C-alpha atoms as a PDB file:
ATOM      1  CA  MET A   1       0.000   0.000   0.000  1.00  0.00           C
ATOM      2  CA  LEU A   2       2.821   2.428   0.893  1.00  0.00           C
ATOM      3  CA  ILE A   3       4.471   1.766  -2.453  1.00  0.00           C
ATOM      4  CA  GLY A   4       1.154   2.457  -4.144  1.00  0.00           C
ATOM      5  CA  LEU A   5       0.855   5.820  -2.376  1.00  0.00           C
ATOM      6  CA  LEU A   6       4.380   6.796  -3.390  1.00  0.00           C
ATOM      7  CA  ASN A   7       3.758   5.682  -6.962  1.00  0.00           C
ATOM      8  CA  PRO A   8       0.097   6.480  -7.689  1.00  0.00           C
ATOM      9  CA  THR A   9       0.575   6.008 -11.426  1.00  0.00           C
ATOM     10  CA  ASN A  10       1.471   2.354 -10.947  1.00  0.00           C
ATOM     11  CA  LEU A  11      -1.496   1.849  -8.610  1.00  0.00           C
ATOM     12  CA  VAL A  12      -3.868   3.469 -11.114  1.00  0.00           C
ATOM     13  CA  THR A  13      -2.428   1.328 -13.904  1.00  0.00           C
ATOM     14  CA  THR A  14      -2.978  -1.910 -11.996  1.00  0.00           C
ATOM     15  CA  SER A  15      -6.211  -1.120 -10.119  1.00  0.00           C
ATOM     16  CA  GLY A  16      -7.974   1.418 -12.338  1.00  0.00           C
ATOM     17  CA  LEU A  17     -11.025   3.167 -10.909  1.00  0.00           C
ATOM     18  CA  ALA A  18     -10.612   1.538  -7.498  1.00  0.00           C
ATOM     19  CA  ALA A  19      -7.195   3.189  -7.199  1.00  0.00           C
ATOM     20  CA  VAL A  20      -8.593   6.547  -8.324  1.00  0.00           C
ATOM     21  CA  PHE A  21     -11.269   6.338  -5.619  1.00  0.00           C
ATOM     22  CA  LEU A  22      -8.856   5.242  -2.887  1.00  0.00           C
ATOM     23  CA  LEU A  23      -6.197   7.843  -3.645  1.00  0.00           C
ATOM     24  CA  SER A  24      -8.799  10.602  -3.944  1.00  0.00           C
ATOM     25  CA  ALA A  25     -10.391   9.663  -0.621  1.00  0.00           C
ATOM     26  CA  LEU A  26      -7.026   9.562   1.149  1.00  0.00           C
ATOM     27  CA  GLN A  27      -6.062  12.908  -0.335  1.00  0.00           C
ATOM     28  CA  SER A  28      -9.182  14.481   1.187  1.00  0.00           C
ATOM     29  CA  CYS A  29      -8.325  12.895   4.563  1.00  0.00           C
ATOM     30  CA  CYS A  30      -5.061  14.856   4.792  1.00  0.00           C
ATOM     31  CA  VAL A  31      -2.889  11.994   3.487  1.00  0.00           C
ATOM     32  CA  PRO A  32      -0.330  13.635   1.164  1.00  0.00           C
ATOM     33  CA  THR A  33      -1.168  11.906  -2.109  1.00  0.00           C
ATOM     34  CA  SER A  34      -1.094  13.786  -5.424  1.00  0.00           C
ATOM     35  CA  SER A  35      -4.501  14.297  -7.026  1.00  0.00           C
ATOM     36  CA  GLU A  36      -2.734  15.962  -9.954  1.00  0.00           C
ATOM     37  CA  LEU A  37      -0.799  12.823 -10.806  1.00  0.00           C
ATOM     38  CA  THR A  38      -3.639  10.445  -9.965  1.00  0.00           C
ATOM     39  CA  LEU A  39      -6.213  12.155 -12.185  1.00  0.00           C
ATOM     40  CA  GLY A  40      -3.716  13.249 -14.813  1.00  0.00           C
ATOM     41  CA  PHE A  41      -2.401   9.751 -15.366  1.00  0.00           C
ATOM     42  CA  ALA A  42      -5.918   8.296 -15.265  1.00  0.00           C
ATOM     43  CA  GLY A  43      -6.741  10.736 -18.076  1.00  0.00           C
ATOM     44  CA  VAL A  44      -3.819   9.348 -20.071  1.00  0.00           C
ATOM     45  CA  LEU A  45      -5.177   5.827 -19.612  1.00  0.00           C
ATOM     46  CA  CYS A  46      -8.557   7.090 -20.827  1.00  0.00           C
ATOM     47  CA  ALA A  47      -6.943   8.368 -24.016  1.00  0.00           C
ATOM     48  CA  GLU A  48      -5.381   4.928 -24.471  1.00  0.00           C
ATOM     49  CA  GLY A  49      -8.808   3.314 -24.149  1.00  0.00           C
ATOM     50  CA  LYS A  50      -8.076   1.630 -20.820  1.00  0.00           C
ATOM     51  CA  LEU A  51     -10.449   3.747 -18.708  1.00  0.00           C
ATOM     52  CA  ASN A  52     -13.514   5.917 -19.304  1.00  0.00           C
ATOM     53  CA  LEU A  53     -12.955   9.656 -18.836  1.00  0.00           C
ATOM     54  CA  ALA A  54     -16.392  10.424 -17.374  1.00  0.00           C
ATOM     55  CA  ALA A  55     -16.098   7.482 -14.972  1.00  0.00           C
ATOM     56  CA  VAL A  56     -12.647   8.609 -13.828  1.00  0.00           C
ATOM     57  CA  ILE A  57     -13.898  12.122 -13.040  1.00  0.00           C
ATOM     58  CA  VAL A  58     -17.031  10.900 -11.247  1.00  0.00           C
ATOM     59  CA  VAL A  59     -15.093   8.339  -9.191  1.00  0.00           C
ATOM     60  CA  GLY A  60     -12.442  10.941  -8.328  1.00  0.00           C
ATOM     61  CA  VAL A  61     -15.088  13.393  -7.126  1.00  0.00           C
ATOM     62  CA  LEU A  62     -16.878  10.698  -5.098  1.00  0.00           C
ATOM     63  CA  GLY A  63     -13.606   9.624  -3.513  1.00  0.00           C
ATOM     64  CA  GLU A  64     -12.725  13.179  -2.529  1.00  0.00           C
ATOM     65  CA  LEU A  65     -16.243  13.753  -1.213  1.00  0.00           C
ATOM     66  CA  VAL A  66     -16.167  10.616   0.952  1.00  0.00           C
ATOM     67  CA  GLY A  67     -12.710  11.468   2.282  1.00  0.00           C
ATOM     68  CA  ALA A  68     -13.730  15.062   2.952  1.00  0.00           C
ATOM     69  CA  TYR A  69     -16.824  13.987   4.897  1.00  0.00           C
ATOM     70  CA  VAL A  70     -14.723  11.618   7.018  1.00  0.00           C
ATOM     71  CA  ALA A  71     -12.271  14.416   7.795  1.00  0.00           C
ATOM     72  CA  TRP A  72     -15.133  16.880   8.439  1.00  0.00           C
ATOM     73  CA  VAL A  73     -16.685  14.505  10.979  1.00  0.00           C
ATOM     74  CA  ILE A  74     -13.289  14.025  12.641  1.00  0.00           C
ATOM     75  CA  GLY A  75     -12.868  17.787  12.914  1.00  0.00           C
ATOM     76  CA  ARG A  76     -16.433  18.357  14.102  1.00  0.00           C
ATOM     77  CA  THR A  77     -16.402  15.655  16.786  1.00  0.00           C
ATOM     78  CA  GLY A  78     -12.727  15.665  17.738  1.00  0.00           C
ATOM     79  CA  GLY A  79     -12.140  19.398  17.551  1.00  0.00           C
ATOM     80  CA  ARG A  80      -8.835  20.871  18.583  1.00  0.00           C
ATOM     81  CA  ALA A  81      -8.232  17.978  20.949  1.00  0.00           C
ATOM     82  CA  PHE A  82      -7.846  15.809  17.859  1.00  0.00           C
ATOM     83  CA  VAL A  83      -5.160  18.132  16.526  1.00  0.00           C
ATOM     84  CA  ASP A  84      -3.397  18.093  19.907  1.00  0.00           C
ATOM     85  CA  ARG A  85      -3.223  14.315  19.816  1.00  0.00           C
ATOM     86  CA  TYR A  86      -2.931  13.415  16.137  1.00  0.00           C
ATOM     87  CA  GLY A  87      -2.096  16.632  14.313  1.00  0.00           C
ATOM     88  CA  LYS A  88       1.619  15.832  14.280  1.00  0.00           C
ATOM     89  CA  TYR A  89       0.953  12.788  12.094  1.00  0.00           C
ATOM     90  CA  VAL A  90      -0.483  14.955   9.307  1.00  0.00           C
ATOM     91  CA  LEU A  91       1.584  18.046  10.231  1.00  0.00           C
ATOM     92  CA  LEU A  92      -1.502  20.041  11.193  1.00  0.00           C
ATOM     93  CA  SER A  93      -0.994  22.711  13.850  1.00  0.00           C
ATOM     94  CA  HIS A  94      -3.261  25.002  15.840  1.00  0.00           C
ATOM     95  CA  LYS A  95      -1.975  27.911  13.770  1.00  0.00           C
ATOM     96  CA  ASP A  96      -3.275  26.132  10.666  1.00  0.00           C
ATOM     97  CA  LEU A  97      -6.661  25.784  12.338  1.00  0.00           C
ATOM     98  CA  ASP A  98      -6.722  29.453  13.338  1.00  0.00           C
ATOM     99  CA  ARG A  99      -6.001  30.501   9.759  1.00  0.00           C
ATOM    100  CA  ALA A 100      -8.571  28.083   8.362  1.00  0.00           C
ATOM    101  CA  GLU A 101     -11.310  29.145  10.758  1.00  0.00           C
ATOM    102  CA  ALA A 102     -10.617  32.810  10.006  1.00  0.00           C
ATOM    103  CA  TRP A 103     -10.750  31.996   6.275  1.00  0.00           C
ATOM    104  CA  TYR A 104     -14.117  30.267   6.601  1.00  0.00           C
ATOM    105  CA  LYS A 105     -15.545  33.117   8.653  1.00  0.00           C
ATOM    106  CA  ARG A 106     -14.452  35.662   6.040  1.00  0.00           C
ATOM    107  CA  HIS A 107     -15.721  33.567   3.140  1.00  0.00           C
ATOM    108  CA  GLU A 108     -18.748  31.768   4.545  1.00  0.00           C
ATOM    109  CA  ARG A 109     -20.374  31.092   1.190  1.00  0.00           C
ATOM    110  CA  PHE A 110     -17.507  29.960  -0.991  1.00  0.00           C
ATOM    111  CA  GLY A 111     -14.536  29.346   1.327  1.00  0.00           C
ATOM    112  CA  VAL A 112     -14.745  25.571   0.911  1.00  0.00           C
ATOM    113  CA  LEU A 113     -15.015  25.837  -2.872  1.00  0.00           C
ATOM    114  CA  VAL A 114     -11.985  28.098  -3.218  1.00  0.00           C
ATOM    115  CA  SER A 115      -9.967  25.909  -0.835  1.00  0.00           C
ATOM    116  CA  ARG A 116     -10.636  22.856  -3.017  1.00  0.00           C
ATOM    117  CA  LEU A 117      -8.993  24.658  -5.935  1.00  0.00           C
ATOM    118  CA  LEU A 118      -5.702  25.456  -4.182  1.00  0.00           C
ATOM    119  CA  PRO A 119      -2.793  22.988  -4.585  1.00  0.00           C
ATOM    120  CA  VAL A 120      -1.551  21.323  -1.340  1.00  0.00           C
ATOM    121  CA  ILE A 121      -4.022  23.362   0.760  1.00  0.00           C
ATOM    122  CA  ARG A 122      -6.916  21.323  -0.648  1.00  0.00           C
ATOM    123  CA  ASN A 123      -5.520  18.265   1.169  1.00  0.00           C
ATOM    124  CA  PHE A 124      -6.026  19.817   4.594  1.00  0.00           C
ATOM    125  CA  VAL A 125      -9.252  21.853   4.430  1.00  0.00           C
ATOM    126  CA  ALA A 126     -11.831  19.335   5.618  1.00  0.00           C
ATOM    127  CA  ILE A 127     -10.779  18.934   9.270  1.00  0.00           C
ATOM    128  CA  PRO A 128     -10.644  22.712   9.875  1.00  0.00           C
ATOM    129  CA  ALA A 129     -14.017  23.018   8.113  1.00  0.00           C
ATOM    130  CA  GLY A 130     -15.479  20.562  10.619  1.00  0.00           C
ATOM    131  CA  ILE A 131     -13.950  22.414  13.543  1.00  0.00           C
ATOM    132  CA  ALA A 132     -15.276  25.696  12.124  1.00  0.00           C
ATOM    133  CA  GLU A 133     -18.711  24.017  11.920  1.00  0.00           C
ATOM    134  CA  VAL A 134     -19.212  24.731   8.229  1.00  0.00           C
ATOM    135  CA  PRO A 135     -22.769  23.405   7.559  1.00  0.00           C
ATOM    136  CA  LEU A 136     -22.615  19.816   6.346  1.00  0.00           C
ATOM    137  CA  LEU A 137     -24.806  20.249   3.263  1.00  0.00           C
ATOM    138  CA  ARG A 138     -23.001  23.382   2.093  1.00  0.00           C
ATOM    139  CA  PHE A 139     -19.666  21.709   2.759  1.00  0.00           C
ATOM    140  CA  GLY A 140     -20.618  18.685   0.672  1.00  0.00           C
ATOM    141  CA  VAL A 141     -22.006  20.657  -2.260  1.00  0.00           C
ATOM    142  CA  LEU A 142     -19.049  23.045  -2.458  1.00  0.00           C
ATOM    143  CA  THR A 143     -16.552  20.208  -2.010  1.00  0.00           C
ATOM    144  CA  ALA A 144     -18.184  18.301  -4.859  1.00  0.00           C
ATOM    145  CA  ILE A 145     -18.158  21.341  -7.147  1.00  0.00           C
ATOM    146  CA  GLY A 146     -14.524  22.163  -6.352  1.00  0.00           C
ATOM    147  CA  SER A 147     -13.459  18.556  -6.810  1.00  0.00           C
ATOM    148  CA  LEU A 148     -15.348  18.335 -10.093  1.00  0.00           C
ATOM    149  CA  ILE A 149     -13.515  21.370 -11.449  1.00  0.00           C
ATOM    150  CA  TRP A 150     -10.110  20.236 -10.179  1.00  0.00           C
ATOM    151  CA  ASP A 151     -10.379  16.558 -11.049  1.00  0.00           C
ATOM    152  CA  GLY A 152     -12.032  17.285 -14.388  1.00  0.00           C
ATOM    153  CA  ALA A 153      -9.275  19.697 -15.366  1.00  0.00           C
ATOM    154  CA  TRP A 154      -6.443  17.286 -14.524  1.00  0.00           C
ATOM    155  CA  ALA A 155      -8.134  14.274 -16.097  1.00  0.00           C
ATOM    156  CA  ALA A 156      -8.856  16.314 -19.235  1.00  0.00           C
ATOM    157  CA  LEU A 157      -5.249  17.481 -19.312  1.00  0.00           C
ATOM    158  CA  GLY A 158      -4.038  13.891 -19.133  1.00  0.00           C
ATOM    159  CA  TYR A 159      -6.521  12.896 -21.800  1.00  0.00           C
ATOM    160  CA  GLY A 160      -5.306  15.722 -24.011  1.00  0.00           C
ATOM    161  CA  VAL A 161      -1.723  14.536 -23.698  1.00  0.00           C
ATOM    162  CA  GLY A 162      -2.998  11.103 -24.693  1.00  0.00           C
ATOM    163  CA  SER A 163      -1.249   9.725 -27.728  1.00  0.00           C
ATOM    164  CA  HIS A 164       1.769  11.989 -27.188  1.00  0.00           C
ATOM    165  CA  TRP A 165       2.484  10.423 -23.818  1.00  0.00           C
ATOM    166  CA  ARG A 166       5.052   7.915 -24.981  1.00  0.00           C
ATOM    167  CA  SER A 167       6.996  10.491 -26.962  1.00  0.00           C
ATOM    168  CA  LEU A 168       7.139  12.748 -23.918  1.00  0.00           C
ATOM    169  CA  VAL A 169       8.899  10.010 -21.989  1.00  0.00           C
ATOM    170  CA  HIS A 170      11.088   8.852 -24.887  1.00  0.00           C
ATOM    171  CA  GLY A 171      13.827   6.537 -23.713  1.00  0.00           C
ATOM    172  CA  PHE A 172      11.781   4.993 -20.904  1.00  0.00           C
ATOM    173  CA  THR A 173       9.988   1.685 -21.289  1.00  0.00           C
ATOM    174  CA  ASP A 174       7.384   2.494 -18.683  1.00  0.00           C
ATOM    175  CA  ALA A 175       5.938   5.991 -18.259  1.00  0.00           C
ATOM    176  CA  GLY A 176       4.831   5.028 -14.766  1.00  0.00           C
ATOM    177  CA  TYR A 177       8.409   5.096 -13.521  1.00  0.00           C
ATOM    178  CA  VAL A 178       8.775   8.691 -14.640  1.00  0.00           C
ATOM    179  CA  LEU A 179       5.566   9.829 -12.996  1.00  0.00           C
ATOM    180  CA  GLY A 180       6.398   7.721  -9.978  1.00  0.00           C
ATOM    181  CA  ALA A 181       9.610   9.694  -9.509  1.00  0.00           C
ATOM    182  CA  LEU A 182       7.689  12.937  -9.957  1.00  0.00           C
ATOM    183  CA  ALA A 183       5.120  11.763  -7.421  1.00  0.00           C
ATOM    184  CA  VAL A 184       7.782  11.023  -4.817  1.00  0.00           C
ATOM    185  CA  ALA A 185       9.394  14.425  -5.418  1.00  0.00           C
ATOM    186  CA  ALA A 186       6.054  16.252  -5.215  1.00  0.00           C
ATOM    187  CA  ILE A 187       5.010  14.433  -2.047  1.00  0.00           C
ATOM    188  CA  ALA A 188       8.431  14.960  -0.457  1.00  0.00           C
ATOM    189  CA  PHE A 189       8.285  18.678  -1.198  1.00  0.00           C
ATOM    190  CA  GLY A 190       4.752  18.946   0.174  1.00  0.00           C
ATOM    191  CA  VAL A 191       5.638  17.047   3.346  1.00  0.00           C
ATOM    192  CA  TYR A 192       8.801  19.124   3.839  1.00  0.00           C
ATOM    193  CA  HIS A 193       6.845  22.347   3.424  1.00  0.00           C
ATOM    194  CA  ARG A 194       4.192  21.150   5.884  1.00  0.00           C
ATOM    195  CA  TYR A 195       6.893  19.995   8.331  1.00  0.00           C
ATOM    196  CA  ARG A 196       8.592  23.388   8.307  1.00  0.00           C
ATOM    197  CA  SER A 197       5.264  25.144   8.818  1.00  0.00           C
ATOM    198  CA  TYR A 198       4.255  22.725  11.588  1.00  0.00           C
ATOM    199  CA  LYS A 199       7.564  23.058  13.468  1.00  0.00           C
ATOM    200  CA  THR A 200       7.422  26.845  13.286  1.00  0.00           C
ATOM    201  CA  ALA A 201       3.833  26.948  14.516  1.00  0.00           C
ATOM    202  CA  THR A 202       4.425  24.544  17.415  1.00  0.00           C
ATOM    203  CA  ALA A 203       7.569  26.402  18.470  1.00  0.00           C
ATOM    204  CA  GLU A 204       5.639  29.684  18.523  1.00  0.00           C
ATOM    205  CA  ARG A 205       2.892  28.032  20.576  1.00  0.00           C
ATOM    206  CA  ARG A 206       5.411  26.736  23.138  1.00  0.00           C
ATOM    207  CA  ASP A 207       7.019  30.167  23.419  1.00  0.00           C
ATOM    208  CA  THR A 208       3.624  31.784  23.976  1.00  0.00           C
ATOM    209  CA  ALA A 209       2.725  29.201  26.665  1.00  0.00           C
ATOM    210  CA  GLU A 210       5.961  29.870  28.493  1.00  0.00           C
END
């Protein structure tokens, strides 16, 4: 499973729509997977006739919606105590929650939608939305719309690349290895960025407490 998360293109190649759903759901639950690579590569497989483009987009949106609801419920029921206990595992700090809650208060109508369209940030918006008590129906509708736009765009991009895919990775026998390396680099960068932010926020919180 860990290998599949680090190399989503290989997982999508071998498991198809099930992999798209799983990776999309995990991404919405704060697990640092790459929706760009997942949906983009699925779009490539659609162009090659191995998957259906509409099905890929629908399954991606459903996966993100399920994952977002799980994270929303965790945030709503667990609150900040959840972040105190488990936030370090997803590099989520109280400062992140403060910023997110302030964001939702300033943009009550469309805060969730805009958040779903921001790279990296979209992975971590559901738990703060639950803590901020964003209404469940509004949260679900806006999450679905944002995911539809995001997933549709990346799947369409991959589909557009389509027949040119092999030429873009000339010299490699398996395009999945190339995207796998990109996935690892993207995830590593995202985790590093989150780690730096988390360490800074927790250090500031300790200094304030003292």
